[in-house]
Amino acid sequence: MVIQDNMTSKAITEVWEDTVQVFQKYNVPITNEALQVLVTDNKLQVLLTELNNVIGSSTTTCIEGGWQMPTKRE
């Protein structure tokens, strides 16, 4: 899964506790508002990149649409 700008800082920190430090670094409050509302455009991409690095995820490690059931091999 990739952290995206429509997610809330509260939900992100509940799933990935390691992200709290990143939010503190950028002075982003832990709230129920989406990141795209909380963070200015020029800081948003930097924040998203760092958050995804912390959780070990990127657009290259994930497929659009999320997780998919593996096909059965016979």
N, C-alpha and C. Protein backbone atom coordinates (compact mmCIF):
# COMPACT_ATOMS: atom_id res chain seq x y z
N MET A 1 0.84 -1.17 0.00
CA MET A 1 0.00 0.00 0.00
C MET A 1 0.89 1.23 0.00
N VAL A 2 0.47 2.25 -0.70
CA VAL A 2 1.19 3.51 -0.77
C VAL A 2 0.38 4.55 0.00
N ILE A 3 1.05 5.32 0.85
CA ILE A 3 0.40 6.43 1.55
C ILE A 3 0.11 7.50 0.52
N GLN A 4 -1.13 7.99 0.52
CA GLN A 4 -1.57 8.98 -0.46
C GLN A 4 -2.10 10.24 0.22
N ASP A 5 -2.24 11.31 -0.56
CA ASP A 5 -2.63 12.60 -0.01
C ASP A 5 -4.07 12.66 0.51
N ASN A 6 -4.90 11.69 0.15
CA ASN A 6 -6.28 11.70 0.64
C ASN A 6 -6.44 10.96 1.96
N MET A 7 -5.34 10.42 2.49
CA MET A 7 -5.37 9.73 3.77
C MET A 7 -5.17 10.73 4.91
N THR A 8 -5.66 10.37 6.10
CA THR A 8 -5.49 11.25 7.25
C THR A 8 -4.23 10.86 8.03
N SER A 9 -3.65 11.85 8.68
CA SER A 9 -2.46 11.58 9.48
C SER A 9 -2.80 10.64 10.64
N LYS A 10 -4.00 10.76 11.17
CA LYS A 10 -4.41 9.90 12.28
C LYS A 10 -4.48 8.43 11.83
N ALA A 11 -5.11 8.18 10.70
CA ALA A 11 -5.22 6.81 10.19
C ALA A 11 -3.85 6.24 9.85
N ILE A 12 -2.99 7.06 9.27
CA ILE A 12 -1.65 6.60 8.88
C ILE A 12 -0.86 6.18 10.12
N THR A 13 -0.90 7.02 11.17
CA THR A 13 -0.12 6.71 12.37
C THR A 13 -0.71 5.53 13.15
N GLU A 14 -2.00 5.29 13.00
CA GLU A 14 -2.60 4.12 13.65
C GLU A 14 -2.14 2.82 13.01
N VAL A 15 -1.91 2.86 11.71
CA VAL A 15 -1.47 1.67 10.98
C VAL A 15 0.05 1.53 11.03
N TRP A 16 0.76 2.64 10.83
CA TRP A 16 2.22 2.63 10.81
C TRP A 16 2.74 3.60 11.87
N GLU A 17 3.03 3.09 13.05
CA GLU A 17 3.47 3.93 14.17
C GLU A 17 4.77 4.67 13.88
N ASP A 18 5.62 4.12 13.05
CA ASP A 18 6.90 4.76 12.72
C ASP A 18 6.74 6.10 12.00
N THR A 19 5.56 6.35 11.46
CA THR A 19 5.35 7.60 10.71
C THR A 19 5.16 8.81 11.62
N VAL A 20 4.91 8.59 12.90
CA VAL A 20 4.70 9.72 13.83
C VAL A 20 5.88 10.68 13.78
N GLN A 21 7.09 10.15 13.75
CA GLN A 21 8.29 10.99 13.72
C GLN A 21 8.34 11.87 12.47
N VAL A 22 7.89 11.35 11.36
CA VAL A 22 7.88 12.14 10.12
C VAL A 22 6.89 13.30 10.24
N PHE A 23 5.70 13.02 10.78
CA PHE A 23 4.72 14.09 10.96
C PHE A 23 5.25 15.15 11.91
N GLN A 24 5.95 14.73 12.97
CA GLN A 24 6.54 15.69 13.91
C GLN A 24 7.61 16.53 13.22
N LYS A 25 8.43 15.90 12.40
CA LYS A 25 9.50 16.60 11.68
C LYS A 25 8.94 17.74 10.81
N TYR A 26 7.80 17.49 10.18
CA TYR A 26 7.19 18.49 9.29
C TYR A 26 6.08 19.30 9.96
N ASN A 27 5.96 19.16 11.28
CA ASN A 27 4.95 19.90 12.06
C ASN A 27 3.54 19.69 11.53
N VAL A 28 3.22 18.46 11.18
CA VAL A 28 1.89 18.11 10.70
C VAL A 28 1.12 17.50 11.87
N PRO A 29 -0.02 18.08 12.23
CA PRO A 29 -0.79 17.54 13.35
C PRO A 29 -1.41 16.18 13.02
N ILE A 30 -1.63 15.38 14.05
CA ILE A 30 -2.29 14.08 13.88
C ILE A 30 -3.79 14.34 14.04
N THR A 31 -4.50 14.37 12.91
CA THR A 31 -5.92 14.70 12.91
C THR A 31 -6.67 13.81 11.92
N ASN A 32 -7.97 14.03 11.83
CA ASN A 32 -8.82 13.32 10.88
C ASN A 32 -8.96 14.05 9.55
N GLU A 33 -8.14 15.06 9.32
CA GLU A 33 -8.17 15.76 8.04
C GLU A 33 -7.18 15.13 7.07
N ALA A 34 -7.52 15.12 5.81
CA ALA A 34 -6.65 14.55 4.78
C ALA A 34 -5.36 15.35 4.68
N LEU A 35 -4.29 14.67 4.32
CA LEU A 35 -3.00 15.34 4.17
C LEU A 35 -3.07 16.48 3.16
N GLN A 36 -3.85 16.31 2.11
CA GLN A 36 -3.95 17.34 1.08
C GLN A 36 -4.56 18.63 1.63
N VAL A 37 -5.27 18.56 2.75
CA VAL A 37 -5.84 19.73 3.41
C VAL A 37 -4.83 20.32 4.40
N LEU A 38 -4.08 19.46 5.06
CA LEU A 38 -3.16 19.88 6.12
C LEU A 38 -1.85 20.46 5.62
N VAL A 39 -1.40 20.02 4.46
CA VAL A 39 -0.04 20.33 4.01
C VAL A 39 -0.08 21.09 2.69
N THR A 40 0.80 22.08 2.57
CA THR A 40 0.88 22.85 1.33
C THR A 40 1.42 21.98 0.21
N ASP A 41 1.06 22.32 -1.01
CA ASP A 41 1.43 21.52 -2.18
C ASP A 41 2.93 21.30 -2.29
N ASN A 42 3.73 22.34 -2.02
CA ASN A 42 5.17 22.19 -2.21
C ASN A 42 5.80 21.27 -1.16
N LYS A 43 5.18 21.11 0.01
CA LYS A 43 5.70 20.22 1.05
C LYS A 43 5.06 18.83 0.98
N LEU A 44 3.90 18.72 0.34
CA LEU A 44 3.14 17.48 0.34
C LEU A 44 3.90 16.33 -0.32
N GLN A 45 4.49 16.55 -1.46
CA GLN A 45 5.19 15.46 -2.16
C GLN A 45 6.40 14.98 -1.37
N VAL A 46 7.11 15.91 -0.75
CA VAL A 46 8.27 15.55 0.07
C VAL A 46 7.81 14.71 1.25
N LEU A 47 6.72 15.13 1.90
CA LEU A 47 6.16 14.40 3.03
C LEU A 47 5.73 12.99 2.62
N LEU A 48 5.01 12.88 1.52
CA LEU A 48 4.54 11.57 1.05
C LEU A 48 5.71 10.64 0.73
N THR A 49 6.73 11.18 0.10
CA THR A 49 7.91 10.38 -0.24
C THR A 49 8.58 9.85 1.03
N GLU A 50 8.75 10.72 2.02
CA GLU A 50 9.40 10.29 3.26
C GLU A 50 8.54 9.28 4.03
N LEU A 51 7.22 9.52 4.08
CA LEU A 51 6.32 8.58 4.76
C LEU A 51 6.40 7.20 4.11
N ASN A 52 6.35 7.17 2.80
CA ASN A 52 6.40 5.89 2.08
C ASN A 52 7.76 5.21 2.22
N ASN A 53 8.82 5.98 2.32
CA ASN A 53 10.14 5.40 2.57
C ASN A 53 10.18 4.74 3.94
N VAL A 54 9.58 5.38 4.92
CA VAL A 54 9.57 4.85 6.29
C VAL A 54 8.83 3.51 6.35
N ILE A 55 7.74 3.39 5.61
CA ILE A 55 6.97 2.14 5.66
C ILE A 55 7.43 1.13 4.60
N GLY A 56 8.42 1.52 3.80
CA GLY A 56 8.97 0.60 2.81
C GLY A 56 8.09 0.40 1.61
N SER A 57 7.37 1.46 1.22
CA SER A 57 6.45 1.34 0.09
C SER A 57 6.70 2.46 -0.91
N SER A 58 6.39 2.16 -2.16
CA SER A 58 6.50 3.17 -3.22
C SER A 58 5.59 2.76 -4.36
N THR A 59 5.44 3.65 -5.32
CA THR A 59 4.60 3.31 -6.46
C THR A 59 5.21 2.18 -7.28
N THR A 60 6.51 1.93 -7.13
CA THR A 60 7.12 0.84 -7.87
C THR A 60 6.91 -0.50 -7.18
N THR A 61 6.58 -0.48 -5.86
CA THR A 61 6.35 -1.73 -5.15
C THR A 61 4.88 -2.12 -5.09
N CYS A 62 4.01 -1.23 -5.53
CA CYS A 62 2.57 -1.48 -5.44
C CYS A 62 1.93 -1.39 -6.82
N ILE A 63 0.81 -2.09 -6.94
CA ILE A 63 0.07 -2.03 -8.18
C ILE A 63 -1.17 -1.18 -7.98
N GLU A 64 -1.62 -0.53 -9.03
CA GLU A 64 -2.82 0.28 -8.95
C GLU A 64 -4.01 -0.60 -8.59
N GLY A 65 -4.82 -0.13 -7.66
CA GLY A 65 -5.98 -0.89 -7.24
C GLY A 65 -5.73 -1.71 -5.99
N GLY A 66 -4.47 -1.75 -5.54
CA GLY A 66 -4.17 -2.43 -4.28
C GLY A 66 -3.83 -3.89 -4.45
N TRP A 67 -4.05 -4.62 -3.38
CA TRP A 67 -3.69 -6.03 -3.30
C TRP A 67 -4.57 -6.86 -4.21
N GLN A 68 -3.98 -7.87 -4.82
CA GLN A 68 -4.75 -8.78 -5.64
C GLN A 68 -4.47 -10.21 -5.21
N MET A 69 -5.47 -11.04 -5.29
CA MET A 69 -5.35 -12.45 -4.92
C MET A 69 -4.44 -13.13 -5.94
N PRO A 70 -3.42 -13.85 -5.45
CA PRO A 70 -2.55 -14.57 -6.38
C PRO A 70 -3.35 -15.62 -7.15
N THR A 71 -2.91 -15.86 -8.37
CA THR A 71 -3.59 -16.88 -9.17
C THR A 71 -3.14 -18.25 -8.70
N LYS A 72 -4.03 -19.21 -8.80
CA LYS A 72 -3.74 -20.58 -8.35
C LYS A 72 -2.88 -21.27 -9.39
N ARG A 73 -1.81 -21.88 -8.90
CA ARG A 73 -0.95 -22.64 -9.80
C ARG A 73 -1.26 -24.12 -9.65
N GLU A 74 -1.27 -24.79 -10.77
CA GLU A 74 -1.55 -26.23 -10.73
C GLU A 74 -0.41 -27.01 -11.29
